[in-house]
PDB file of all heavy atoms in Angstrom:
ATOM      1  N   HIS A   1       9.316  -9.321  26.183  1.00  0.00           N
ATOM      2  CA  HIS A   1       9.343  -9.355  27.655  1.00  0.00           C
ATOM      3  C   HIS A   1       8.436  -8.278  28.243  1.00  0.00           C
ATOM      4  O   HIS A   1       7.730  -8.540  29.222  1.00  0.00           O
ATOM      5  CB  HIS A   1      10.776  -9.188  28.153  1.00  0.00           C
ATOM      6  CG  HIS A   1      10.894  -9.215  29.633  1.00  0.00           C
ATOM      7  ND1 HIS A   1      10.759 -10.373  30.371  1.00  0.00           N
ATOM      8  CD2 HIS A   1      11.113  -8.220  30.527  1.00  0.00           C
ATOM      9  CE1 HIS A   1      10.893 -10.089  31.648  1.00  0.00           C
ATOM     10  NE2 HIS A   1      11.111  -8.790  31.764  1.00  0.00           N
ATOM     11  N   VAL A   2       8.453  -7.081  27.672  1.00  0.00           N
ATOM     12  CA  VAL A   2       7.651  -5.991  28.235  1.00  0.00           C
ATOM     13  C   VAL A   2       6.241  -5.932  27.656  1.00  0.00           C
ATOM     14  O   VAL A   2       5.370  -5.277  28.217  1.00  0.00           O
ATOM     15  CB  VAL A   2       8.345  -4.618  28.079  1.00  0.00           C
ATOM     16  CG1 VAL A   2       9.646  -4.589  28.847  1.00  0.00           C
ATOM     17  CG2 VAL A   2       8.563  -4.260  26.632  1.00  0.00           C
ATOM     18  N   ALA A   3       6.013  -6.595  26.534  1.00  0.00           N
ATOM     19  CA  ALA A   3       4.695  -6.629  25.910  1.00  0.00           C
ATOM     20  C   ALA A   3       4.331  -8.086  25.636  1.00  0.00           C
ATOM     21  O   ALA A   3       4.164  -8.502  24.491  1.00  0.00           O
ATOM     22  CB  ALA A   3       4.700  -5.812  24.622  1.00  0.00           C
ATOM     23  N   ALA A   4       4.197  -8.844  26.708  1.00  0.00           N
ATOM     24  CA  ALA A   4       4.024 -10.295  26.611  1.00  0.00           C
ATOM     25  C   ALA A   4       2.782 -10.697  25.818  1.00  0.00           C
ATOM     26  O   ALA A   4       2.752 -11.783  25.236  1.00  0.00           O
ATOM     27  CB  ALA A   4       3.970 -10.901  28.005  1.00  0.00           C
ATOM     28  N   ASP A   5       1.777  -9.844  25.767  1.00  0.00           N
ATOM     29  CA  ASP A   5       0.544 -10.199  25.068  1.00  0.00           C
ATOM     30  C   ASP A   5       0.542  -9.747  23.615  1.00  0.00           C
ATOM     31  O   ASP A   5      -0.462  -9.869  22.926  1.00  0.00           O
ATOM     32  CB  ASP A   5      -0.655  -9.606  25.799  1.00  0.00           C
ATOM     33  CG  ASP A   5      -0.589  -8.091  25.885  1.00  0.00           C
ATOM     34  OD1 ASP A   5       0.519  -7.529  25.817  1.00  0.00           O
ATOM     35  OD2 ASP A   5      -1.658  -7.468  26.029  1.00  0.00           O
ATOM     36  N   ALA A   6       1.669  -9.245  23.109  1.00  0.00           N
ATOM     37  CA  ALA A   6       1.747  -8.731  21.741  1.00  0.00           C
ATOM     38  C   ALA A   6       2.372  -9.748  20.793  1.00  0.00           C
ATOM     39  O   ALA A   6       3.102 -10.645  21.209  1.00  0.00           O
ATOM     40  CB  ALA A   6       2.558  -7.448  21.710  1.00  0.00           C
ATOM     41  N   GLU A   7       2.071  -9.589  19.514  1.00  0.00           N
ATOM     42  CA  GLU A   7       2.733 -10.343  18.459  1.00  0.00           C
ATOM     43  C   GLU A   7       3.901  -9.489  17.985  1.00  0.00           C
ATOM     44  O   GLU A   7       3.693  -8.409  17.423  1.00  0.00           O
ATOM     45  CB  GLU A   7       1.769 -10.580  17.295  1.00  0.00           C
ATOM     46  CG  GLU A   7       2.404 -11.216  16.081  1.00  0.00           C
ATOM     47  CD  GLU A   7       1.462 -11.245  14.885  1.00  0.00           C
ATOM     48  OE1 GLU A   7       0.273 -11.555  15.071  1.00  0.00           O
ATOM     49  OE2 GLU A   7       1.933 -10.944  13.776  1.00  0.00           O
ATOM     50  N   VAL A   8       5.116  -9.934  18.249  1.00  0.00           N
ATOM     51  CA  VAL A   8       6.318  -9.183  17.881  1.00  0.00           C
ATOM     52  C   VAL A   8       6.964  -9.888  16.696  1.00  0.00           C
ATOM     53  O   VAL A   8       7.221 -11.084  16.752  1.00  0.00           O
ATOM     54  CB  VAL A   8       7.313  -9.094  19.061  1.00  0.00           C
ATOM     55  CG1 VAL A   8       8.552  -8.315  18.660  1.00  0.00           C
ATOM     56  CG2 VAL A   8       6.645  -8.473  20.281  1.00  0.00           C
ATOM     57  N   ARG A   9       7.213  -9.116  15.622  1.00  0.00           N
ATOM     58  CA  ARG A   9       7.800  -9.712  14.424  1.00  0.00           C
ATOM     59  C   ARG A   9       8.946  -8.836  13.911  1.00  0.00           C
ATOM     60  O   ARG A   9       8.783  -7.629  13.764  1.00  0.00           O
ATOM     61  CB  ARG A   9       6.752  -9.836  13.340  1.00  0.00           C
ATOM     62  CG  ARG A   9       7.283 -10.532  12.086  1.00  0.00           C
ATOM     63  CD  ARG A   9       6.252 -10.624  10.994  1.00  0.00           C
ATOM     64  NE  ARG A   9       5.098 -11.417  11.418  1.00  0.00           N
ATOM     65  CZ  ARG A   9       4.054 -11.662  10.642  1.00  0.00           C
ATOM     66  NH1 ARG A   9       4.008 -11.170   9.417  1.00  0.00           N
ATOM     67  NH2 ARG A   9       3.052 -12.384  11.091  1.00  0.00           N
ATOM     68  N   ILE A  10      10.076  -9.471  13.656  1.00  0.00           N
ATOM     69  CA  ILE A  10      11.190  -8.810  12.986  1.00  0.00           C
ATOM     70  C   ILE A  10      10.864  -8.868  11.504  1.00  0.00           C
ATOM     71  O   ILE A  10      10.668  -9.955  10.952  1.00  0.00           O
ATOM     72  CB  ILE A  10      12.527  -9.524  13.277  1.00  0.00           C
ATOM     73  CG1 ILE A  10      12.826  -9.495  14.772  1.00  0.00           C
ATOM     74  CG2 ILE A  10      13.660  -8.884  12.482  1.00  0.00           C
ATOM     75  CD1 ILE A  10      13.991 -10.391  15.188  1.00  0.00           C
ATOM     76  N   THR A  11      10.784  -7.691  10.851  1.00  0.00           N
ATOM     77  CA  THR A  11      10.281  -7.695   9.483  1.00  0.00           C
ATOM     78  C   THR A  11      10.781  -6.522   8.655  1.00  0.00           C
ATOM     79  O   THR A  11      11.100  -5.465   9.197  1.00  0.00           O
ATOM     80  CB  THR A  11       8.737  -7.691   9.479  1.00  0.00           C
ATOM     81  OG1 THR A  11       8.264  -7.831   8.148  1.00  0.00           O
ATOM     82  CG2 THR A  11       8.174  -6.424  10.091  1.00  0.00           C
ATOM     83  N   ASP A  12      10.813  -6.740   7.351  1.00  0.00           N
ATOM     84  CA  ASP A  12      10.998  -5.645   6.403  1.00  0.00           C
ATOM     85  C   ASP A  12       9.818  -5.613   5.422  1.00  0.00           C
ATOM     86  O   ASP A  12       9.877  -4.979   4.383  1.00  0.00           O
ATOM     87  CB  ASP A  12      12.335  -5.757   5.661  1.00  0.00           C
ATOM     88  CG  ASP A  12      12.441  -6.971   4.759  1.00  0.00           C
ATOM     89  OD1 ASP A  12      11.526  -7.828   4.773  1.00  0.00           O
ATOM     90  OD2 ASP A  12      13.437  -7.081   4.039  1.00  0.00           O
ATOM     91  N   ASP A  13       8.735  -6.287   5.809  1.00  0.00           N
ATOM     92  CA  ASP A  13       7.517  -6.340   4.999  1.00  0.00           C
ATOM     93  C   ASP A  13       6.735  -5.039   5.180  1.00  0.00           C
ATOM     94  O   ASP A  13       6.224  -4.756   6.263  1.00  0.00           O
ATOM     95  CB  ASP A  13       6.676  -7.541   5.429  1.00  0.00           C
ATOM     96  CG  ASP A  13       5.404  -7.684   4.622  1.00  0.00           C
ATOM     97  OD1 ASP A  13       4.610  -6.727   4.579  1.00  0.00           O
ATOM     98  OD2 ASP A  13       5.197  -8.772   4.055  1.00  0.00           O
ATOM     99  N   HIS A  14       6.645  -4.254   4.110  1.00  0.00           N
ATOM    100  CA  HIS A  14       6.006  -2.946   4.177  1.00  0.00           C
ATOM    101  C   HIS A  14       4.553  -3.036   4.643  1.00  0.00           C
ATOM    102  O   HIS A  14       4.105  -2.187   5.423  1.00  0.00           O
ATOM    103  CB  HIS A  14       6.058  -2.270   2.809  1.00  0.00           C
ATOM    104  CG  HIS A  14       7.452  -1.940   2.374  1.00  0.00           C
ATOM    105  ND1 HIS A  14       7.791  -0.741   1.834  1.00  0.00           N
ATOM    106  CD2 HIS A  14       8.609  -2.654   2.415  1.00  0.00           C
ATOM    107  CE1 HIS A  14       9.080  -0.722   1.550  1.00  0.00           C
ATOM    108  NE2 HIS A  14       9.594  -1.880   1.892  1.00  0.00           N
ATOM    109  N   LYS A  15       3.820  -4.037   4.188  1.00  0.00           N
ATOM    110  CA  LYS A  15       2.415  -4.175   4.571  1.00  0.00           C
ATOM    111  C   LYS A  15       2.275  -4.472   6.063  1.00  0.00           C
ATOM    112  O   LYS A  15       1.393  -3.931   6.727  1.00  0.00           O
ATOM    113  CB  LYS A  15       1.734  -5.264   3.740  1.00  0.00           C
ATOM    114  CG  LYS A  15       1.512  -4.858   2.309  1.00  0.00           C
ATOM    115  CD  LYS A  15       0.816  -5.952   1.532  1.00  0.00           C
ATOM    116  CE  LYS A  15       0.657  -5.525   0.074  1.00  0.00           C
ATOM    117  NZ  LYS A  15       0.012  -6.565  -0.717  1.00  0.00           N
ATOM    118  N   TYR A  16       3.146  -5.336   6.591  1.00  0.00           N
ATOM    119  CA  TYR A  16       3.079  -5.644   8.018  1.00  0.00           C
ATOM    120  C   TYR A  16       3.422  -4.397   8.841  1.00  0.00           C
ATOM    121  O   TYR A  16       2.771  -4.109   9.839  1.00  0.00           O
ATOM    122  CB  TYR A  16       4.022  -6.792   8.392  1.00  0.00           C
ATOM    123  CG  TYR A  16       3.807  -7.248   9.815  1.00  0.00           C
ATOM    124  CD1 TYR A  16       2.849  -8.206  10.112  1.00  0.00           C
ATOM    125  CD2 TYR A  16       4.529  -6.691  10.866  1.00  0.00           C
ATOM    126  CE1 TYR A  16       2.629  -8.606  11.419  1.00  0.00           C
ATOM    127  CE2 TYR A  16       4.312  -7.083  12.176  1.00  0.00           C
ATOM    128  CZ  TYR A  16       3.356  -8.048  12.442  1.00  0.00           C
ATOM    129  OH  TYR A  16       3.124  -8.428  13.740  1.00  0.00           O
ATOM    130  N   ILE A  17       4.450  -3.673   8.402  1.00  0.00           N
ATOM    131  CA  ILE A  17       4.854  -2.458   9.114  1.00  0.00           C
ATOM    132  C   ILE A  17       3.711  -1.450   9.136  1.00  0.00           C
ATOM    133  O   ILE A  17       3.398  -0.870  10.174  1.00  0.00           O
ATOM    134  CB  ILE A  17       6.131  -1.853   8.493  1.00  0.00           C
ATOM    135  CG1 ILE A  17       7.319  -2.803   8.697  1.00  0.00           C
ATOM    136  CG2 ILE A  17       6.440  -0.476   9.082  1.00  0.00           C
ATOM    137  CD1 ILE A  17       8.537  -2.491   7.849  1.00  0.00           C
ATOM    138  N   ALA A  18       3.058  -1.256   7.991  1.00  0.00           N
ATOM    139  CA  ALA A  18       1.948  -0.307   7.904  1.00  0.00           C
ATOM    140  C   ALA A  18       0.767  -0.728   8.777  1.00  0.00           C
ATOM    141  O   ALA A  18       0.068   0.127   9.332  1.00  0.00           O
ATOM    142  CB  ALA A  18       1.497  -0.156   6.456  1.00  0.00           C
ATOM    143  N   ALA A  19       0.554  -2.031   8.927  1.00  0.00           N
ATOM    144  CA  ALA A  19      -0.575  -2.537   9.714  1.00  0.00           C
ATOM    145  C   ALA A  19      -0.255  -2.660  11.202  1.00  0.00           C
ATOM    146  O   ALA A  19      -1.159  -2.877  12.007  1.00  0.00           O
ATOM    147  CB  ALA A  19      -1.003  -3.901   9.174  1.00  0.00           C
ATOM    148  N   ALA A  20       1.007  -2.507  11.567  1.00  0.00           N
ATOM    149  CA  ALA A  20       1.416  -2.696  12.965  1.00  0.00           C
ATOM    150  C   ALA A  20       0.859  -1.580  13.856  1.00  0.00           C
ATOM    151  O   ALA A  20       0.698  -0.437  13.426  1.00  0.00           O
ATOM    152  CB  ALA A  20       2.937  -2.721  13.063  1.00  0.00           C
ATOM    153  N   ASP A  21       0.585  -1.941  15.102  1.00  0.00           N
ATOM    154  CA  ASP A  21       0.154  -0.958  16.084  1.00  0.00           C
ATOM    155  C   ASP A  21       1.324  -0.126  16.579  1.00  0.00           C
ATOM    156  O   ASP A  21       1.172   1.046  16.923  1.00  0.00           O
ATOM    157  CB  ASP A  21      -0.506  -1.666  17.283  1.00  0.00           C
ATOM    158  CG  ASP A  21      -1.732  -2.441  16.855  1.00  0.00           C
ATOM    159  OD1 ASP A  21      -2.696  -1.810  16.394  1.00  0.00           O
ATOM    160  OD2 ASP A  21      -1.707  -3.682  16.965  1.00  0.00           O
ATOM    161  N   ARG A  22       2.484  -0.757  16.602  1.00  0.00           N
ATOM    162  CA  ARG A  22       3.709  -0.095  17.051  1.00  0.00           C
ATOM    163  C   ARG A  22       4.858  -0.550  16.156  1.00  0.00           C
ATOM    164  O   ARG A  22       4.860  -1.676  15.669  1.00  0.00           O
ATOM    165  CB  ARG A  22       4.047  -0.470  18.487  1.00  0.00           C
ATOM    166  CG  ARG A  22       2.906  -0.235  19.458  1.00  0.00           C
ATOM    167  CD  ARG A  22       3.353   0.598  20.615  1.00  0.00           C
ATOM    168  NE  ARG A  22       2.337   0.687  21.623  1.00  0.00           N
ATOM    169  CZ  ARG A  22       1.463   1.692  21.713  1.00  0.00           C
ATOM    170  NH1 ARG A  22       1.489   2.648  20.844  1.00  0.00           N
ATOM    171  NH2 ARG A  22       0.566   1.732  22.669  1.00  0.00           N
ATOM    172  N   VAL A  23       5.825   0.342  15.969  1.00  0.00           N
ATOM    173  CA  VAL A  23       7.003   0.028  15.173  1.00  0.00           C
ATOM    174  C   VAL A  23       8.240   0.375  15.993  1.00  0.00           C
ATOM    175  O   VAL A  23       8.337   1.477  16.536  1.00  0.00           O
ATOM    176  CB  VAL A  23       7.022   0.817  13.844  1.00  0.00           C
ATOM    177  CG1 VAL A  23       8.285   0.517  13.049  1.00  0.00           C
ATOM    178  CG2 VAL A  23       5.784   0.507  13.019  1.00  0.00           C
ATOM    179  N   VAL A  24       9.143  -0.578  16.106  1.00  0.00           N
ATOM    180  CA  VAL A  24      10.401  -0.378  16.821  1.00  0.00           C
ATOM    181  C   VAL A  24      11.500  -0.205  15.781  1.00  0.00           C
ATOM    182  O   VAL A  24      11.671  -1.048  14.899  1.00  0.00           O
ATOM    183  CB  VAL A  24      10.722  -1.566  17.762  1.00  0.00           C
ATOM    184  CG1 VAL A  24      12.063  -1.374  18.444  1.00  0.00           C
ATOM    185  CG2 VAL A  24       9.613  -1.736  18.786  1.00  0.00           C
ATOM    186  N   PHE A  25      12.218   0.889  15.913  1.00  0.00           N
ATOM    187  CA  PHE A  25      13.289   1.247  14.996  1.00  0.00           C
ATOM    188  C   PHE A  25      14.590   1.139  15.786  1.00  0.00           C
ATOM    189  O   PHE A  25      15.049   2.095  16.408  1.00  0.00           O
ATOM    190  CB  PHE A  25      13.018   2.667  14.506  1.00  0.00           C
ATOM    191  CG  PHE A  25      14.049   3.266  13.609  1.00  0.00           C
ATOM    192  CD1 PHE A  25      15.047   2.532  13.026  1.00  0.00           C
ATOM    193  CD2 PHE A  25      13.982   4.614  13.331  1.00  0.00           C
ATOM    194  CE1 PHE A  25      15.975   3.122  12.197  1.00  0.00           C
ATOM    195  CE2 PHE A  25      14.901   5.220  12.506  1.00  0.00           C
ATOM    196  CZ  PHE A  25      15.901   4.474  11.946  1.00  0.00           C
ATOM    197  N   PRO A  26      15.177  -0.085  15.839  1.00  0.00           N
ATOM    198  CA  PRO A  26      16.360  -0.284  16.676  1.00  0.00           C
ATOM    199  C   PRO A  26      17.590   0.410  16.092  1.00  0.00           C
ATOM    200  O   PRO A  26      17.742   0.514  14.879  1.00  0.00           O
ATOM    201  CB  PRO A  26      16.547  -1.796  16.690  1.00  0.00           C
ATOM    202  CG  PRO A  26      15.838  -2.293  15.492  1.00  0.00           C
ATOM    203  CD  PRO A  26      14.774  -1.301  15.166  1.00  0.00           C
ATOM    204  N   GLY A  27      18.427   0.902  16.973  1.00  0.00           N
ATOM    205  CA  GLY A  27      19.663   1.545  16.550  1.00  0.00           C
ATOM    206  C   GLY A  27      20.700   1.466  17.647  1.00  0.00           C
ATOM    207  O   GLY A  27      20.374   1.287  18.807  1.00  0.00           O
TER     208      GLY A  27
END
């Protein structure tokens, strides 16, 4: 909703996380 132009992925893939521009750590 706040980053409508972004690709948002729920993931535990280490390579995707490392390549991401931003990482959300929900808690």
